[in-house]
């Protein structure tokens, strides 16, 4: 009985370190990325749309992609390709 409980505990630790902890780390990194968004950043959304951020609101960001302007949820931004270099953007 004690061996079985020990094995369950070991499996629990393995599950935590193999699956749950890396997912938490990835979520924290994405949250930091979303908080650091600013106008002028070149980004890619989770659906594959590339664009430049025009403005940032509470939960959304306006993107300019080619000739269109899109408003997407900040959580849909998957990656920042290039950070804005000028500090005096609109």
C-alpha atoms as a PDB file:
ATOM      1  CA  UNK A   1       0.000   0.000   0.000  1.00  0.00           C
ATOM      2  CA  UNK A   2       2.805   2.423   0.894  1.00  0.00           C
ATOM      3  CA  UNK A   3       4.618   1.601  -2.352  1.00  0.00           C
ATOM      4  CA  UNK A   4       1.481   2.394  -4.326  1.00  0.00           C
ATOM      5  CA  UNK A   5       1.095   5.777  -2.576  1.00  0.00           C
ATOM      6  CA  UNK A   6       4.769   6.502  -3.235  1.00  0.00           C
ATOM      7  CA  UNK A   7       4.338   5.754  -6.925  1.00  0.00           C
ATOM      8  CA  UNK A   8       1.269   8.009  -7.116  1.00  0.00           C
ATOM      9  CA  UNK A   9       3.230  10.810  -5.446  1.00  0.00           C
ATOM     10  CA  UNK A  10       6.127  10.382  -7.880  1.00  0.00           C
ATOM     11  CA  UNK A  11       3.711  10.434 -10.816  1.00  0.00           C
ATOM     12  CA  UNK A  12       2.160  13.626  -9.421  1.00  0.00           C
ATOM     13  CA  UNK A  13       5.558  15.350  -9.239  1.00  0.00           C
ATOM     14  CA  UNK A  14       6.408  14.195 -12.756  1.00  0.00           C
ATOM     15  CA  UNK A  15       3.090  15.517 -14.044  1.00  0.00           C
ATOM     16  CA  UNK A  16       3.709  18.875 -12.367  1.00  0.00           C
ATOM     17  CA  UNK A  17       7.240  19.357 -13.709  1.00  0.00           C
ATOM     18  CA  UNK A  18       6.593  17.907 -17.175  1.00  0.00           C
ATOM     19  CA  UNK A  19       3.254  19.493 -18.045  1.00  0.00           C
ATOM     20  CA  UNK A  20       1.842  22.059 -15.675  1.00  0.00           C
ATOM     21  CA  UNK A  21       4.906  24.170 -14.827  1.00  0.00           C
ATOM     22  CA  UNK A  22       6.022  24.793 -18.450  1.00  0.00           C
ATOM     23  CA  UNK A  23       2.469  25.858 -19.308  1.00  0.00           C
ATOM     24  CA  UNK A  24       2.477  28.375 -16.442  1.00  0.00           C
ATOM     25  CA  UNK A  25       5.822  29.762 -17.598  1.00  0.00           C
ATOM     26  CA  UNK A  26       4.525  30.182 -21.144  1.00  0.00           C
ATOM     27  CA  UNK A  27       1.387  31.960 -19.874  1.00  0.00           C
ATOM     28  CA  UNK A  28       3.495  34.395 -17.808  1.00  0.00           C
ATOM     29  CA  UNK A  29       5.709  35.163 -20.816  1.00  0.00           C
ATOM     30  CA  UNK A  30       2.637  35.846 -22.994  1.00  0.00           C
ATOM     31  CA  UNK A  31       1.155  38.094 -20.299  1.00  0.00           C
ATOM     32  CA  UNK A  32       4.393  40.103 -20.178  1.00  0.00           C
ATOM     33  CA  UNK A  33       4.382  40.363 -23.983  1.00  0.00           C
ATOM     34  CA  UNK A  34       0.797  41.679 -23.979  1.00  0.00           C
ATOM     35  CA  UNK A  35       1.554  44.240 -21.255  1.00  0.00           C
ATOM     36  CA  UNK A  36       4.573  45.564 -23.177  1.00  0.00           C
ATOM     37  CA  UNK A  37       2.694  46.220 -26.444  1.00  0.00           C
ATOM     38  CA  UNK A  38       2.869  49.759 -27.775  1.00  0.00           C
ATOM     39  CA  UNK A  39       2.138  51.650 -30.967  1.00  0.00           C
ATOM     40  CA  UNK A  40       4.636  50.974 -33.738  1.00  0.00           C
ATOM     41  CA  UNK A  41       5.410  47.357 -32.771  1.00  0.00           C
ATOM     42  CA  UNK A  42       5.305  44.850 -35.632  1.00  0.00           C
ATOM     43  CA  UNK A  43       3.338  41.798 -34.489  1.00  0.00           C
ATOM     44  CA  UNK A  44       1.882  38.488 -35.640  1.00  0.00           C
ATOM     45  CA  UNK A  45      -1.515  37.334 -34.390  1.00  0.00           C
ATOM     46  CA  UNK A  46      -2.335  33.752 -33.522  1.00  0.00           C
ATOM     47  CA  UNK A  47      -4.272  33.517 -36.802  1.00  0.00           C
ATOM     48  CA  UNK A  48      -1.169  34.519 -38.788  1.00  0.00           C
ATOM     49  CA  UNK A  49      -1.983  38.149 -39.582  1.00  0.00           C
ATOM     50  CA  UNK A  50       1.091  40.389 -39.643  1.00  0.00           C
ATOM     51  CA  UNK A  51       0.724  44.075 -38.922  1.00  0.00           C
ATOM     52  CA  UNK A  52       1.867  47.180 -37.106  1.00  0.00           C
ATOM     53  CA  UNK A  53       0.109  48.310 -33.936  1.00  0.00           C
ATOM     54  CA  UNK A  54      -1.578  51.679 -34.391  1.00  0.00           C
ATOM     55  CA  UNK A  55      -3.094  52.013 -30.920  1.00  0.00           C
ATOM     56  CA  UNK A  56      -3.490  49.969 -27.758  1.00  0.00           C
ATOM     57  CA  UNK A  57      -6.595  49.953 -25.568  1.00  0.00           C
ATOM     58  CA  UNK A  58      -7.513  47.999 -22.422  1.00  0.00           C
ATOM     59  CA  UNK A  59      -8.335  44.672 -24.066  1.00  0.00           C
ATOM     60  CA  UNK A  60      -7.782  45.358 -27.767  1.00  0.00           C
ATOM     61  CA  UNK A  61      -5.128  46.634 -30.139  1.00  0.00           C
ATOM     62  CA  UNK A  62      -5.629  48.257 -33.535  1.00  0.00           C
ATOM     63  CA  UNK A  63      -3.410  46.838 -36.270  1.00  0.00           C
ATOM     64  CA  UNK A  64      -2.587  48.211 -39.688  1.00  0.00           C
ATOM     65  CA  UNK A  65      -2.003  45.394 -42.154  1.00  0.00           C
ATOM     66  CA  UNK A  66      -1.519  46.340 -45.810  1.00  0.00           C
ATOM     67  CA  UNK A  67      -4.446  48.665 -46.622  1.00  0.00           C
ATOM     68  CA  UNK A  68      -6.731  47.586 -43.803  1.00  0.00           C
ATOM     69  CA  UNK A  69      -7.073  48.450 -40.141  1.00  0.00           C
ATOM     70  CA  UNK A  70      -8.090  45.649 -37.766  1.00  0.00           C
ATOM     71  CA  UNK A  71      -8.992  45.641 -34.109  1.00  0.00           C
ATOM     72  CA  UNK A  72      -7.929  42.428 -32.385  1.00  0.00           C
ATOM     73  CA  UNK A  73      -7.859  41.208 -28.809  1.00  0.00           C
ATOM     74  CA  UNK A  74      -4.472  41.696 -27.210  1.00  0.00           C
ATOM     75  CA  UNK A  75      -4.540  38.050 -26.174  1.00  0.00           C
ATOM     76  CA  UNK A  76      -4.627  37.083 -29.886  1.00  0.00           C
ATOM     77  CA  UNK A  77      -1.178  38.590 -30.462  1.00  0.00           C
ATOM     78  CA  UNK A  78       1.221  35.678 -30.541  1.00  0.00           C
ATOM     79  CA  UNK A  79       4.569  37.303 -31.149  1.00  0.00           C
ATOM     80  CA  UNK A  80       6.296  40.654 -31.531  1.00  0.00           C
ATOM     81  CA  UNK A  81       8.508  40.659 -34.620  1.00  0.00           C
ATOM     82  CA  UNK A  82      10.062  44.075 -34.115  1.00  0.00           C
ATOM     83  CA  UNK A  83       9.778  46.565 -31.271  1.00  0.00           C
ATOM     84  CA  UNK A  84       9.089  50.220 -31.971  1.00  0.00           C
ATOM     85  CA  UNK A  85      12.293  52.258 -31.808  1.00  0.00           C
ATOM     86  CA  UNK A  86      10.925  55.778 -31.401  1.00  0.00           C
ATOM     87  CA  UNK A  87       9.676  56.824 -27.978  1.00  0.00           C
ATOM     88  CA  UNK A  88       7.318  59.569 -29.134  1.00  0.00           C
ATOM     89  CA  UNK A  89       4.705  57.521 -31.013  1.00  0.00           C
ATOM     90  CA  UNK A  90       1.016  58.596 -30.935  1.00  0.00           C
END
